[in-house]
Amino acid sequence: QVQLVESGGGLVQAGASLRLSCSASGRTFSGYAMDWFRQAPGKEREFVAAISRSGGLTSLADSVKGRFTISRDNAKNTMYLQMNSLKPEDTAVYYCAATDYYNLVEARMNYWGKGTLVTVSS
């Protein structure tokens, strides 16, 4: 079992930056690839970013490329999502997830956090 807790969400203006954190406890954090997903009001949850166990491989959704960066610190059991140049359309609940192997598919995630709300005002 892995327990995941997101933090760092909040209300910001368009153009601002936020850094989300996902803290893990339980089984070895470095044994899992990690992902960020988000769900906007009235929409399906969607993939945002993924990072491999070592952090050497990452993927970003086209909608956030050039603005968001995913990273992890295995010594701190924490994953991050640095979000720059935020837009109103980035407003969503952001979830972190852990998976046994590197992938971008929601259905293949093994563990989920409860999410943190990001609201971007125009």
PDB file of N, CA and C in Angstrom:
ATOM      1  N   GLN A   1       0.832  -1.200   0.000  1.00  0.00           N
ATOM      2  CA  GLN A   1       0.000   0.000   0.000  1.00  0.00           C
ATOM      3  C   GLN A   1       0.868   1.252   0.000  1.00  0.00           C
ATOM      4  N   VAL A   2       0.407   2.226  -0.743  1.00  0.00           N
ATOM      5  CA  VAL A   2       1.064   3.529  -0.779  1.00  0.00           C
ATOM      6  C   VAL A   2      -0.001   4.581  -0.488  1.00  0.00           C
ATOM      7  N   GLN A   3       0.308   5.468   0.426  1.00  0.00           N
ATOM      8  CA  GLN A   3      -0.589   6.572   0.718  1.00  0.00           C
ATOM      9  C   GLN A   3      -0.018   7.838   0.084  1.00  0.00           C
ATOM     10  N   LEU A   4      -0.865   8.559  -0.626  1.00  0.00           N
ATOM     11  CA  LEU A   4      -0.435   9.750  -1.354  1.00  0.00           C
ATOM     12  C   LEU A   4      -1.222  10.962  -0.877  1.00  0.00           C
ATOM     13  N   VAL A   5      -0.516  12.046  -0.626  1.00  0.00           N
ATOM     14  CA  VAL A   5      -1.171  13.274  -0.176  1.00  0.00           C
ATOM     15  C   VAL A   5      -0.650  14.441  -1.000  1.00  0.00           C
ATOM     16  N   GLU A   6      -1.571  15.104  -1.702  1.00  0.00           N
ATOM     17  CA  GLU A   6      -1.216  16.270  -2.493  1.00  0.00           C
ATOM     18  C   GLU A   6      -1.307  17.540  -1.651  1.00  0.00           C
ATOM     19  N   SER A   7      -0.510  18.526  -2.017  1.00  0.00           N
ATOM     20  CA  SER A   7      -0.571  19.835  -1.372  1.00  0.00           C
ATOM     21  C   SER A   7      -0.078  20.889  -2.340  1.00  0.00           C
ATOM     22  N   GLY A   8      -0.337  22.144  -2.007  1.00  0.00           N
ATOM     23  CA  GLY A   8       0.176  23.246  -2.806  1.00  0.00           C
ATOM     24  C   GLY A   8      -0.840  23.939  -3.688  1.00  0.00           C
ATOM     25  N   GLY A   9      -2.052  23.424  -3.726  1.00  0.00           N
ATOM     26  CA  GLY A   9      -3.072  24.068  -4.530  1.00  0.00           C
ATOM     27  C   GLY A   9      -3.519  25.389  -3.939  1.00  0.00           C
ATOM     28  N   GLY A  10      -4.297  26.130  -4.701  1.00  0.00           N
ATOM     29  CA  GLY A  10      -4.785  27.401  -4.211  1.00  0.00           C
ATOM     30  C   GLY A  10      -5.397  28.227  -5.311  1.00  0.00           C
ATOM     31  N   LEU A  11      -5.703  29.472  -4.984  1.00  0.00           N
ATOM     32  CA  LEU A  11      -6.295  30.415  -5.919  1.00  0.00           C
ATOM     33  C   LEU A  11      -5.221  31.404  -6.368  1.00  0.00           C
ATOM     34  N   VAL A  12      -5.004  31.473  -7.677  1.00  0.00           N
ATOM     35  CA  VAL A  12      -4.018  32.386  -8.225  1.00  0.00           C
ATOM     36  C   VAL A  12      -4.590  33.079  -9.446  1.00  0.00           C
ATOM     37  N   GLN A  13      -3.925  34.152  -9.853  1.00  0.00           N
ATOM     38  CA  GLN A  13      -4.330  34.845 -11.072  1.00  0.00           C
ATOM     39  C   GLN A  13      -3.639  34.235 -12.284  1.00  0.00           C
ATOM     40  N   ALA A  14      -4.228  34.447 -13.423  1.00  0.00           N
ATOM     41  CA  ALA A  14      -3.626  33.978 -14.669  1.00  0.00           C
ATOM     42  C   ALA A  14      -2.211  34.534 -14.803  1.00  0.00           C
ATOM     43  N   GLY A  15      -1.298  33.674 -15.245  1.00  0.00           N
ATOM     44  CA  GLY A  15       0.097  34.062 -15.387  1.00  0.00           C
ATOM     45  C   GLY A  15       0.962  33.723 -14.191  1.00  0.00           C
ATOM     46  N   ALA A  16       0.349  33.382 -13.094  1.00  0.00           N
ATOM     47  CA  ALA A  16       1.093  33.062 -11.873  1.00  0.00           C
ATOM     48  C   ALA A  16       1.639  31.630 -11.929  1.00  0.00           C
ATOM     49  N   SER A  17       2.379  31.298 -10.888  1.00  0.00           N
ATOM     50  CA  SER A  17       2.972  29.961 -10.768  1.00  0.00           C
ATOM     51  C   SER A  17       2.545  29.312  -9.463  1.00  0.00           C
ATOM     52  N   LEU A  18       2.509  27.997  -9.485  1.00  0.00           N
ATOM     53  CA  LEU A  18       2.269  27.192  -8.288  1.00  0.00           C
ATOM     54  C   LEU A  18       3.132  25.956  -8.380  1.00  0.00           C
ATOM     55  N   ARG A  19       3.500  25.426  -7.225  1.00  0.00           N
ATOM     56  CA  ARG A  19       4.173  24.131  -7.203  1.00  0.00           C
ATOM     57  C   ARG A  19       3.359  23.176  -6.344  1.00  0.00           C
ATOM     58  N   LEU A  20       2.904  22.119  -6.964  1.00  0.00           N
ATOM     59  CA  LEU A  20       2.197  21.077  -6.245  1.00  0.00           C
ATOM     60  C   LEU A  20       3.190  20.028  -5.762  1.00  0.00           C
ATOM     61  N   SER A  21       2.884  19.462  -4.617  1.00  0.00           N
ATOM     62  CA  SER A  21       3.684  18.372  -4.073  1.00  0.00           C
ATOM     63  C   SER A  21       2.798  17.161  -3.838  1.00  0.00           C
ATOM     64  N   CYS A  22       3.390  16.014  -3.953  1.00  0.00           N
ATOM     65  CA  CYS A  22       2.718  14.749  -3.663  1.00  0.00           C
ATOM     66  C   CYS A  22       3.643  13.962  -2.743  1.00  0.00           C
ATOM     67  N   SER A  23       3.244  13.824  -1.495  1.00  0.00           N
ATOM     68  CA  SER A  23       4.052  13.102  -0.517  1.00  0.00           C
ATOM     69  C   SER A  23       3.554  11.678  -0.384  1.00  0.00           C
ATOM     70  N   ALA A  24       4.475  10.737  -0.373  1.00  0.00           N
ATOM     71  CA  ALA A  24       4.129   9.322  -0.326  1.00  0.00           C
ATOM     72  C   ALA A  24       4.614   8.686   0.959  1.00  0.00           C
ATOM     73  N   SER A  25       3.839   7.738   1.440  1.00  0.00           N
ATOM     74  CA  SER A  25       4.238   6.945   2.588  1.00  0.00           C
ATOM     75  C   SER A  25       3.791   5.511   2.359  1.00  0.00           C
ATOM     76  N   GLY A  26       4.364   4.615   3.104  1.00  0.00           N
ATOM     77  CA  GLY A  26       4.019   3.217   2.922  1.00  0.00           C
ATOM     78  C   GLY A  26       5.156   2.494   2.232  1.00  0.00           C
ATOM     79  N   ARG A  27       4.864   1.859   1.146  1.00  0.00           N
ATOM     80  CA  ARG A  27       5.882   1.110   0.430  1.00  0.00           C
ATOM     81  C   ARG A  27       6.876   2.031  -0.248  1.00  0.00           C
ATOM     82  N   THR A  28       7.973   1.481  -0.716  1.00  0.00           N
ATOM     83  CA  THR A  28       9.081   2.256  -1.253  1.00  0.00           C
ATOM     84  C   THR A  28       8.651   3.142  -2.408  1.00  0.00           C
ATOM     85  N   PHE A  29       8.792   4.431  -2.208  1.00  0.00           N
ATOM     86  CA  PHE A  29       8.370   5.415  -3.204  1.00  0.00           C
ATOM     87  C   PHE A  29       9.102   5.218  -4.520  1.00  0.00           C
ATOM     88  N   SER A  30      10.377   4.949  -4.436  1.00  0.00           N
ATOM     89  CA  SER A  30      11.180   4.828  -5.654  1.00  0.00           C
ATOM     90  C   SER A  30      10.814   3.604  -6.485  1.00  0.00           C
ATOM     91  N   GLY A  31       9.989   2.742  -5.944  1.00  0.00           N
ATOM     92  CA  GLY A  31       9.549   1.570  -6.685  1.00  0.00           C
ATOM     93  C   GLY A  31       8.368   1.833  -7.597  1.00  0.00           C
ATOM     94  N   TYR A  32       7.894   3.055  -7.617  1.00  0.00           N
ATOM     95  CA  TYR A  32       6.720   3.402  -8.412  1.00  0.00           C
ATOM     96  C   TYR A  32       7.009   4.532  -9.381  1.00  0.00           C
ATOM     97  N   ALA A  33       6.498   4.372 -10.578  1.00  0.00           N
ATOM     98  CA  ALA A  33       6.382   5.524 -11.453  1.00  0.00           C
ATOM     99  C   ALA A  33       5.199   6.357 -10.952  1.00  0.00           C
ATOM    100  N   MET A  34       5.226   7.632 -11.257  1.00  0.00           N
ATOM    101  CA  MET A  34       4.217   8.537 -10.706  1.00  0.00           C
ATOM    102  C   MET A  34       3.613   9.401 -11.805  1.00  0.00           C
ATOM    103  N   ASP A  35       2.366   9.755 -11.598  1.00  0.00           N
ATOM    104  CA  ASP A  35       1.651  10.581 -12.567  1.00  0.00           C
ATOM    105  C   ASP A  35       0.876  11.693 -11.859  1.00  0.00           C
ATOM    106  N   TRP A  36       0.600  12.721 -12.626  1.00  0.00           N
ATOM    107  CA  TRP A  36      -0.373  13.737 -12.236  1.00  0.00           C
ATOM    108  C   TRP A  36      -1.534  13.675 -13.232  1.00  0.00           C
ATOM    109  N   PHE A  37      -2.742  13.739 -12.692  1.00  0.00           N
ATOM    110  CA  PHE A  37      -3.950  13.879 -13.484  1.00  0.00           C
ATOM    111  C   PHE A  37      -4.709  15.085 -12.943  1.00  0.00           C
ATOM    112  N   ARG A  38      -5.672  15.553 -13.715  1.00  0.00           N
ATOM    113  CA  ARG A  38      -6.514  16.642 -13.233  1.00  0.00           C
ATOM    114  C   ARG A  38      -7.938  16.464 -13.741  1.00  0.00           C
ATOM    115  N   GLN A  39      -8.850  17.029 -12.985  1.00  0.00           N
ATOM    116  CA  GLN A  39     -10.254  16.978 -13.369  1.00  0.00           C
ATOM    117  C   GLN A  39     -10.860  18.358 -13.188  1.00  0.00           C
ATOM    118  N   ALA A  40     -11.242  18.950 -14.290  1.00  0.00           N
ATOM    119  CA  ALA A  40     -11.891  20.249 -14.278  1.00  0.00           C
ATOM    120  C   ALA A  40     -13.379  20.064 -14.016  1.00  0.00           C
ATOM    121  N   PRO A  41     -14.044  21.099 -13.533  1.00  0.00           N
ATOM    122  CA  PRO A  41     -15.485  20.987 -13.260  1.00  0.00           C
ATOM    123  C   PRO A  41     -16.261  20.549 -14.489  1.00  0.00           C
ATOM    124  N   GLY A  42     -17.041  19.508 -14.333  1.00  0.00           N
ATOM    125  CA  GLY A  42     -17.874  19.027 -15.417  1.00  0.00           C
ATOM    126  C   GLY A  42     -17.154  18.257 -16.504  1.00  0.00           C
ATOM    127  N   LYS A  43     -15.888  17.950 -16.281  1.00  0.00           N
ATOM    128  CA  LYS A  43     -15.113  17.240 -17.302  1.00  0.00           C
ATOM    129  C   LYS A  43     -14.540  15.935 -16.758  1.00  0.00           C
ATOM    130  N   GLU A  44     -14.091  15.096 -17.675  1.00  0.00           N
ATOM    131  CA  GLU A  44     -13.442  13.857 -17.306  1.00  0.00           C
ATOM    132  C   GLU A  44     -12.041  14.151 -16.751  1.00  0.00           C
ATOM    133  N   ARG A  45     -11.557  13.236 -15.922  1.00  0.00           N
ATOM    134  CA  ARG A  45     -10.188  13.370 -15.448  1.00  0.00           C
ATOM    135  C   ARG A  45      -9.239  13.127 -16.621  1.00  0.00           C
ATOM    136  N   GLU A  46      -8.163  13.907 -16.678  1.00  0.00           N
ATOM    137  CA  GLU A  46      -7.242  13.795 -17.797  1.00  0.00           C
ATOM    138  C   GLU A  46      -5.799  13.731 -17.313  1.00  0.00           C
ATOM    139  N   PHE A  47      -4.971  13.115 -18.137  1.00  0.00           N
ATOM    140  CA  PHE A  47      -3.544  12.995 -17.855  1.00  0.00           C
ATOM    141  C   PHE A  47      -2.872  14.365 -17.958  1.00  0.00           C
ATOM    142  N   VAL A  48      -1.928  14.621 -17.042  1.00  0.00           N
ATOM    143  CA  VAL A  48      -1.157  15.858 -17.076  1.00  0.00           C
ATOM    144  C   VAL A  48       0.330  15.570 -17.281  1.00  0.00           C
ATOM    145  N   ALA A  49       0.887  14.683 -16.432  1.00  0.00           N
ATOM    146  CA  ALA A  49       2.328  14.448 -16.482  1.00  0.00           C
ATOM    147  C   ALA A  49       2.659  13.105 -15.852  1.00  0.00           C
ATOM    148  N   ALA A  50       3.787  12.550 -16.279  1.00  0.00           N
ATOM    149  CA  ALA A  50       4.254  11.279 -15.737  1.00  0.00           C
ATOM    150  C   ALA A  50       5.764  11.323 -15.566  1.00  0.00           C
ATOM    151  N   ILE A  51       6.242  10.534 -14.611  1.00  0.00           N
ATOM    152  CA  ILE A  51       7.683  10.459 -14.367  1.00  0.00           C
ATOM    153  C   ILE A  51       8.034   9.032 -13.975  1.00  0.00           C
ATOM    154  N   SER A  52       9.152   8.565 -14.485  1.00  0.00           N
ATOM    155  CA  SER A  52       9.588   7.202 -14.210  1.00  0.00           C
ATOM    156  C   SER A  52      10.135   7.070 -12.788  1.00  0.00           C
ATOM    157  N   ARG A  53      10.441   5.858 -12.398  1.00  0.00           N
ATOM    158  CA  ARG A  53      10.906   5.594 -11.028  1.00  0.00           C
ATOM    159  C   ARG A  53      12.143   6.415 -10.668  1.00  0.00           C
ATOM    160  N   SER A  54      13.057   6.494 -11.606  1.00  0.00           N
ATOM    161  CA  SER A  54      14.306   7.214 -11.328  1.00  0.00           C
ATOM    162  C   SER A  54      14.203   8.712 -11.601  1.00  0.00           C
ATOM    163  N   GLY A  55      13.162   9.079 -12.328  1.00  0.00           N
ATOM    164  CA  GLY A  55      13.015  10.473 -12.744  1.00  0.00           C
ATOM    165  C   GLY A  55      13.665  10.774 -14.078  1.00  0.00           C
ATOM    166  N   GLY A  56      14.249   9.764 -14.692  1.00  0.00           N
ATOM    167  CA  GLY A  56      14.951   9.992 -15.930  1.00  0.00           C
ATOM    168  C   GLY A  56      14.074  10.114 -17.154  1.00  0.00           C
ATOM    169  N   LEU A  57      12.835   9.688 -17.034  1.00  0.00           N
ATOM    170  CA  LEU A  57      11.891   9.741 -18.154  1.00  0.00           C
ATOM    171  C   LEU A  57      10.640  10.485 -17.712  1.00  0.00           C
ATOM    172  N   THR A  58      10.223  11.451 -18.496  1.00  0.00           N
ATOM    173  CA  THR A  58       9.008  12.205 -18.175  1.00  0.00           C
ATOM    174  C   THR A  58       8.165  12.395 -19.427  1.00  0.00           C
ATOM    175  N   SER A  59       6.882  12.612 -19.198  1.00  0.00           N
ATOM    176  CA  SER A  59       5.951  12.938 -20.268  1.00  0.00           C
ATOM    177  C   SER A  59       5.008  14.032 -19.790  1.00  0.00           C
ATOM    178  N   LEU A  60       4.602  14.885 -20.703  1.00  0.00           N
ATOM    179  CA  LEU A  60       3.672  15.952 -20.390  1.00  0.00           C
ATOM    180  C   LEU A  60       2.559  15.980 -21.419  1.00  0.00           C
ATOM    181  N   ALA A  61       1.366  16.294 -20.977  1.00  0.00           N
ATOM    182  CA  ALA A  61       0.268  16.497 -21.917  1.00  0.00           C
ATOM    183  C   ALA A  61       0.577  17.707 -22.795  1.00  0.00           C
ATOM    184  N   ASP A  62       0.091  17.676 -24.026  1.00  0.00           N
ATOM    185  CA  ASP A  62       0.365  18.781 -24.952  1.00  0.00           C
ATOM    186  C   ASP A  62      -0.120  20.118 -24.391  1.00  0.00           C
ATOM    187  N   SER A  63      -1.207  20.090 -23.644  1.00  0.00           N
ATOM    188  CA  SER A  63      -1.795  21.323 -23.125  1.00  0.00           C
ATOM    189  C   SER A  63      -0.925  22.017 -22.076  1.00  0.00           C
ATOM    190  N   VAL A  64       0.043  21.301 -21.516  1.00  0.00           N
ATOM    191  CA  VAL A  64       0.874  21.899 -20.470  1.00  0.00           C
ATOM    192  C   VAL A  64       2.355  21.950 -20.843  1.00  0.00           C
ATOM    193  N   LYS A  65       2.715  21.410 -21.984  1.00  0.00           N
ATOM    194  CA  LYS A  65       4.115  21.442 -22.399  1.00  0.00           C
ATOM    195  C   LYS A  65       4.619  22.883 -22.491  1.00  0.00           C
ATOM    196  N   GLY A  66       5.832  23.070 -21.987  1.00  0.00           N
ATOM    197  CA  GLY A  66       6.414  24.407 -21.994  1.00  0.00           C
ATOM    198  C   GLY A  66       6.022  25.254 -20.799  1.00  0.00           C
ATOM    199  N   ARG A  67       5.032  24.778 -20.013  1.00  0.00           N
ATOM    200  CA  ARG A  67       4.592  25.534 -18.847  1.00  0.00           C
ATOM    201  C   ARG A  67       4.751  24.735 -17.550  1.00  0.00           C
ATOM    202  N   PHE A  68       4.535  23.441 -17.608  1.00  0.00           N
ATOM    203  CA  PHE A  68       4.605  22.583 -16.420  1.00  0.00           C
ATOM    204  C   PHE A  68       5.853  21.718 -16.469  1.00  0.00           C
ATOM    205  N   THR A  69       6.370  21.396 -15.286  1.00  0.00           N
ATOM    206  CA  THR A  69       7.496  20.490 -15.155  1.00  0.00           C
ATOM    207  C   THR A  69       7.217  19.498 -14.040  1.00  0.00           C
ATOM    208  N   ILE A  70       7.452  18.236 -14.310  1.00  0.00           N
ATOM    209  CA  ILE A  70       7.293  17.206 -13.291  1.00  0.00           C
ATOM    210  C   ILE A  70       8.671  16.774 -12.803  1.00  0.00           C
ATOM    211  N   SER A  71       8.783  16.524 -11.519  1.00  0.00           N
ATOM    212  CA  SER A  71      10.048  16.064 -10.950  1.00  0.00           C
ATOM    213  C   SER A  71       9.757  15.248  -9.701  1.00  0.00           C
ATOM    214  N   ARG A  72      10.773  14.597  -9.196  1.00  0.00           N
ATOM    215  CA  ARG A  72      10.613  13.815  -7.975  1.00  0.00           C
ATOM    216  C   ARG A  72      11.908  13.810  -7.192  1.00  0.00           C
ATOM    217  N   ASP A  73      11.773  13.616  -5.895  1.00  0.00           N
ATOM    218  CA  ASP A  73      12.917  13.485  -5.001  1.00  0.00           C
ATOM    219  C   ASP A  73      12.695  12.206  -4.210  1.00  0.00           C
ATOM    220  N   ASN A  74      13.325  11.141  -4.632  1.00  0.00           N
ATOM    221  CA  ASN A  74      13.093   9.855  -3.983  1.00  0.00           C
ATOM    222  C   ASN A  74      13.596   9.836  -2.535  1.00  0.00           C
ATOM    223  N   ALA A  75      14.574  10.638  -2.228  1.00  0.00           N
ATOM    224  CA  ALA A  75      15.067  10.703  -0.850  1.00  0.00           C
ATOM    225  C   ALA A  75      14.025  11.324   0.082  1.00  0.00           C
ATOM    226  N   LYS A  76      13.156  12.152  -0.475  1.00  0.00           N
ATOM    227  CA  LYS A  76      12.112  12.814   0.309  1.00  0.00           C
ATOM    228  C   LYS A  76      10.742  12.195   0.094  1.00  0.00           C
ATOM    229  N   ASN A  77      10.691  11.132  -0.716  1.00  0.00           N
ATOM    230  CA  ASN A  77       9.406  10.472  -1.005  1.00  0.00           C
ATOM    231  C   ASN A  77       8.368  11.453  -1.532  1.00  0.00           C
ATOM    232  N   THR A  78       8.808  12.339  -2.399  1.00  0.00           N
ATOM    233  CA  THR A  78       7.929  13.409  -2.867  1.00  0.00           C
ATOM    234  C   THR A  78       8.074  13.630  -4.368  1.00  0.00           C
ATOM    235  N   MET A  79       6.942  13.889  -4.993  1.00  0.00           N
ATOM    236  CA  MET A  79       6.892  14.267  -6.401  1.00  0.00           C
ATOM    237  C   MET A  79       6.367  15.691  -6.479  1.00  0.00           C
ATOM    238  N   TYR A  80       6.766  16.394  -7.528  1.00  0.00           N
ATOM    239  CA  TYR A  80       6.379  17.794  -7.673  1.00  0.00           C
ATOM    240  C   TYR A  80       5.788  18.045  -9.062  1.00  0.00           C
ATOM    241  N   LEU A  81       4.971  19.069  -9.128  1.00  0.00           N
ATOM    242  CA  LEU A  81       4.499  19.590 -10.404  1.00  0.00           C
ATOM    243  C   LEU A  81       4.644  21.106 -10.338  1.00  0.00           C
ATOM    244  N   GLN A  82       5.640  21.602 -11.046  1.00  0.00           N
ATOM    245  CA  GLN A  82       5.847  23.053 -11.139  1.00  0.00           C
ATOM    246  C   GLN A  82       4.987  23.575 -12.273  1.00  0.00           C
ATOM    247  N   MET A  83       4.096  24.490 -11.953  1.00  0.00           N
ATOM    248  CA  MET A  83       3.151  25.012 -12.934  1.00  0.00           C
ATOM    249  C   MET A  83       3.403  26.501 -13.107  1.00  0.00           C
ATOM    250  N   ASN A  84       3.825  26.887 -14.288  1.00  0.00           N
ATOM    251  CA  ASN A  84       4.085  28.284 -14.614  1.00  0.00           C
ATOM    252  C   ASN A  84       3.082  28.777 -15.645  1.00  0.00           C
ATOM    253  N   SER A  85       2.977  30.081 -15.755  1.00  0.00           N
ATOM    254  CA  SER A  85       2.092  30.704 -16.756  1.00  0.00           C
ATOM    255  C   SER A  85       0.704  30.076 -16.721  1.00  0.00           C
ATOM    256  N   LEU A  86       0.158  30.001 -15.536  1.00  0.00           N
ATOM    257  CA  LEU A  86      -1.141  29.343 -15.373  1.00  0.00           C
ATOM    258  C   LEU A  86      -2.240  30.082 -16.125  1.00  0.00           C
ATOM    259  N   LYS A  87      -3.176  29.300 -16.651  1.00  0.00           N
ATOM    260  CA  LYS A  87      -4.306  29.812 -17.411  1.00  0.00           C
ATOM    261  C   LYS A  87      -5.601  29.418 -16.703  1.00  0.00           C
ATOM    262  N   PRO A  88      -6.675  30.153 -16.941  1.00  0.00           N
ATOM    263  CA  PRO A  88      -7.958  29.764 -16.331  1.00  0.00           C
ATOM    264  C   PRO A  88      -8.351  28.322 -16.659  1.00  0.00           C
ATOM    265  N   GLU A  89      -7.980  27.848 -17.831  1.00  0.00           N
ATOM    266  CA  GLU A  89      -8.328  26.480 -18.216  1.00  0.00           C
ATOM    267  C   GLU A  89      -7.527  25.426 -17.471  1.00  0.00           C
ATOM    268  N   ASP A  90      -6.549  25.854 -16.672  1.00  0.00           N
ATOM    269  CA  ASP A  90      -5.829  24.916 -15.805  1.00  0.00           C
ATOM    270  C   ASP A  90      -6.583  24.667 -14.500  1.00  0.00           C
ATOM    271  N   THR A  91      -7.666  25.387 -14.280  1.00  0.00           N
ATOM    272  CA  THR A  91      -8.459  25.189 -13.071  1.00  0.00           C
ATOM    273  C   THR A  91      -8.986  23.762 -13.009  1.00  0.00           C
ATOM    274  N   ALA A  92      -8.678  23.091 -11.912  1.00  0.00           N
ATOM    275  CA  ALA A  92      -9.055  21.680 -11.774  1.00  0.00           C
ATOM    276  C   ALA A  92      -8.616  21.177 -10.402  1.00  0.00           C
ATOM    277  N   VAL A  93      -9.111  20.013 -10.061  1.00  0.00           N
ATOM    278  CA  VAL A  93      -8.543  19.263  -8.941  1.00  0.00           C
ATOM    279  C   VAL A  93      -7.409  18.418  -9.503  1.00  0.00           C
ATOM    280  N   TYR A  94      -6.251  18.545  -8.915  1.00  0.00           N
ATOM    281  CA  TYR A  94      -5.067  17.822  -9.377  1.00  0.00           C
ATOM    282  C   TYR A  94      -4.813  16.627  -8.461  1.00  0.00           C
ATOM    283  N   TYR A  95      -4.654  15.475  -9.084  1.00  0.00           N
ATOM    284  CA  TYR A  95      -4.438  14.228  -8.361  1.00  0.00           C
ATOM    285  C   TYR A  95      -3.064  13.654  -8.696  1.00  0.00           C
ATOM    286  N   CYS A  96      -2.400  13.117  -7.692  1.00  0.00           N
ATOM    287  CA  CYS A  96      -1.211  12.333  -7.993  1.00  0.00           C
ATOM    288  C   CYS A  96      -1.566  10.853  -7.889  1.00  0.00           C
ATOM    289  N   ALA A  97      -0.837  10.059  -8.620  1.00  0.00           N
ATOM    290  CA  ALA A  97      -1.099   8.629  -8.679  1.00  0.00           C
ATOM    291  C   ALA A  97       0.210   7.868  -8.805  1.00  0.00           C
ATOM    292  N   ALA A  98       0.209   6.664  -8.272  1.00  0.00           N
ATOM    293  CA  ALA A  98       1.379   5.792  -8.346  1.00  0.00           C
ATOM    294  C   ALA A  98       1.040   4.544  -9.155  1.00  0.00           C
ATOM    295  N   THR A  99       2.002   4.099  -9.913  1.00  0.00           N
ATOM    296  CA  THR A  99       1.786   2.944 -10.769  1.00  0.00           C
ATOM    297  C   THR A  99       3.018   2.051 -10.772  1.00  0.00           C
ATOM    298  N   ASP A 100       2.800   0.762 -10.970  1.00  0.00           N
ATOM    299  CA  ASP A 100       3.902  -0.190 -10.925  1.00  0.00           C
ATOM    300  C   ASP A 100       4.895   0.007 -12.070  1.00  0.00           C
ATOM    301  N   TYR A 101       4.418   0.547 -13.177  1.00  0.00           N
ATOM    302  CA  TYR A 101       5.311   0.751 -14.306  1.00  0.00           C
ATOM    303  C   TYR A 101       4.936   2.033 -15.018  1.00  0.00           C
ATOM    304  N   TYR A 102       5.880   2.620 -15.685  1.00  0.00           N
ATOM    305  CA  TYR A 102       5.712   3.921 -16.320  1.00  0.00           C
ATOM    306  C   TYR A 102       4.630   3.863 -17.388  1.00  0.00           C
ATOM    307  N   ASN A 103       3.582   4.648 -17.219  1.00  0.00           N
ATOM    308  CA  ASN A 103       2.539   4.743 -18.228  1.00  0.00           C
ATOM    309  C   ASN A 103       1.705   5.990 -17.963  1.00  0.00           C
ATOM    310  N   LEU A 104       0.831   6.303 -18.899  1.00  0.00           N
ATOM    311  CA  LEU A 104       0.059   7.537 -18.865  1.00  0.00           C
ATOM    312  C   LEU A 104      -1.436   7.269 -18.750  1.00  0.00           C
ATOM    313  N   VAL A 105      -1.796   6.048 -18.443  1.00  0.00           N
ATOM    314  CA  VAL A 105      -3.183   5.605 -18.518  1.00  0.00           C
ATOM    315  C   VAL A 105      -3.823   5.600 -17.134  1.00  0.00           C
ATOM    316  N   GLU A 106      -4.927   6.336 -17.021  1.00  0.00           N
ATOM    317  CA  GLU A 106      -5.606   6.463 -15.732  1.00  0.00           C
ATOM    318  C   GLU A 106      -5.972   5.100 -15.159  1.00  0.00           C
ATOM    319  N   ALA A 107      -6.479   4.217 -15.976  1.00  0.00           N
ATOM    320  CA  ALA A 107      -6.949   2.923 -15.494  1.00  0.00           C
ATOM    321  C   ALA A 107      -5.823   2.038 -14.973  1.00  0.00           C
ATOM    322  N   ARG A 108      -4.587   2.383 -15.297  1.00  0.00           N
ATOM    323  CA  ARG A 108      -3.451   1.563 -14.882  1.00  0.00           C
ATOM    324  C   ARG A 108      -2.761   2.088 -13.632  1.00  0.00           C
ATOM    325  N   MET A 109      -3.300   3.133 -13.045  1.00  0.00           N
ATOM    326  CA  MET A 109      -2.752   3.646 -11.793  1.00  0.00           C
ATOM    327  C   MET A 109      -3.176   2.732 -10.643  1.00  0.00           C
ATOM    328  N   ASN A 110      -2.250   2.493  -9.726  1.00  0.00           N
ATOM    329  CA  ASN A 110      -2.535   1.600  -8.616  1.00  0.00           C
ATOM    330  C   ASN A 110      -3.038   2.336  -7.366  1.00  0.00           C
ATOM    331  N   TYR A 111      -2.519   3.523  -7.146  1.00  0.00           N
ATOM    332  CA  TYR A 111      -2.879   4.288  -5.951  1.00  0.00           C
ATOM    333  C   TYR A 111      -3.123   5.740  -6.328  1.00  0.00           C
ATOM    334  N   TRP A 112      -4.039   6.365  -5.584  1.00  0.00           N
ATOM    335  CA  TRP A 112      -4.420   7.752  -5.858  1.00  0.00           C
ATOM    336  C   TRP A 112      -4.422   8.571  -4.573  1.00  0.00           C
ATOM    337  N   GLY A 113      -4.070   9.845  -4.706  1.00  0.00           N
ATOM    338  CA  GLY A 113      -4.304  10.785  -3.640  1.00  0.00           C
ATOM    339  C   GLY A 113      -5.720  11.329  -3.730  1.00  0.00           C
ATOM    340  N   LYS A 114      -6.077  12.190  -2.785  1.00  0.00           N
ATOM    341  CA  LYS A 114      -7.426  12.741  -2.759  1.00  0.00           C
ATOM    342  C   LYS A 114      -7.554  14.031  -3.547  1.00  0.00           C
ATOM    343  N   GLY A 115      -6.449  14.583  -3.973  1.00  0.00           N
ATOM    344  CA  GLY A 115      -6.484  15.746  -4.831  1.00  0.00           C
ATOM    345  C   GLY A 115      -6.294  17.063  -4.111  1.00  0.00           C
ATOM    346  N   THR A 116      -5.852  18.053  -4.875  1.00  0.00           N
ATOM    347  CA  THR A 116      -5.714  19.422  -4.382  1.00  0.00           C
ATOM    348  C   THR A 116      -6.267  20.354  -5.455  1.00  0.00           C
ATOM    349  N   LEU A 117      -7.031  21.352  -5.027  1.00  0.00           N
ATOM    350  CA  LEU A 117      -7.729  22.223  -5.961  1.00  0.00           C
ATOM    351  C   LEU A 117      -6.850  23.390  -6.379  1.00  0.00           C
ATOM    352  N   VAL A 118      -6.767  23.580  -7.681  1.00  0.00           N
ATOM    353  CA  VAL A 118      -6.090  24.740  -8.260  1.00  0.00           C
ATOM    354  C   VAL A 118      -7.138  25.570  -8.989  1.00  0.00           C
ATOM    355  N   THR A 119      -7.229  26.825  -8.630  1.00  0.00           N
ATOM    356  CA  THR A 119      -8.161  27.736  -9.273  1.00  0.00           C
ATOM    357  C   THR A 119      -7.382  28.911  -9.837  1.00  0.00           C
ATOM    358  N   VAL A 120      -7.542  29.140 -11.134  1.00  0.00           N
ATOM    359  CA  VAL A 120      -6.840  30.222 -11.811  1.00  0.00           C
ATOM    360  C   VAL A 120      -7.874  31.230 -12.287  1.00  0.00           C
ATOM    361  N   SER A 121      -7.788  32.429 -11.778  1.00  0.00           N
ATOM    362  CA  SER A 121      -8.734  33.470 -12.164  1.00  0.00           C
ATOM    363  C   SER A 121      -8.176  34.294 -13.315  1.00  0.00           C
ATOM    364  N   SER A 122      -9.087  34.803 -14.120  1.00  0.00           N
ATOM    365  CA  SER A 122      -8.667  35.584 -15.301  1.00  0.00           C
ATOM    366  C   SER A 122      -8.521  37.056 -14.967  1.00  0.00           C
TER     367      SER A 122
END
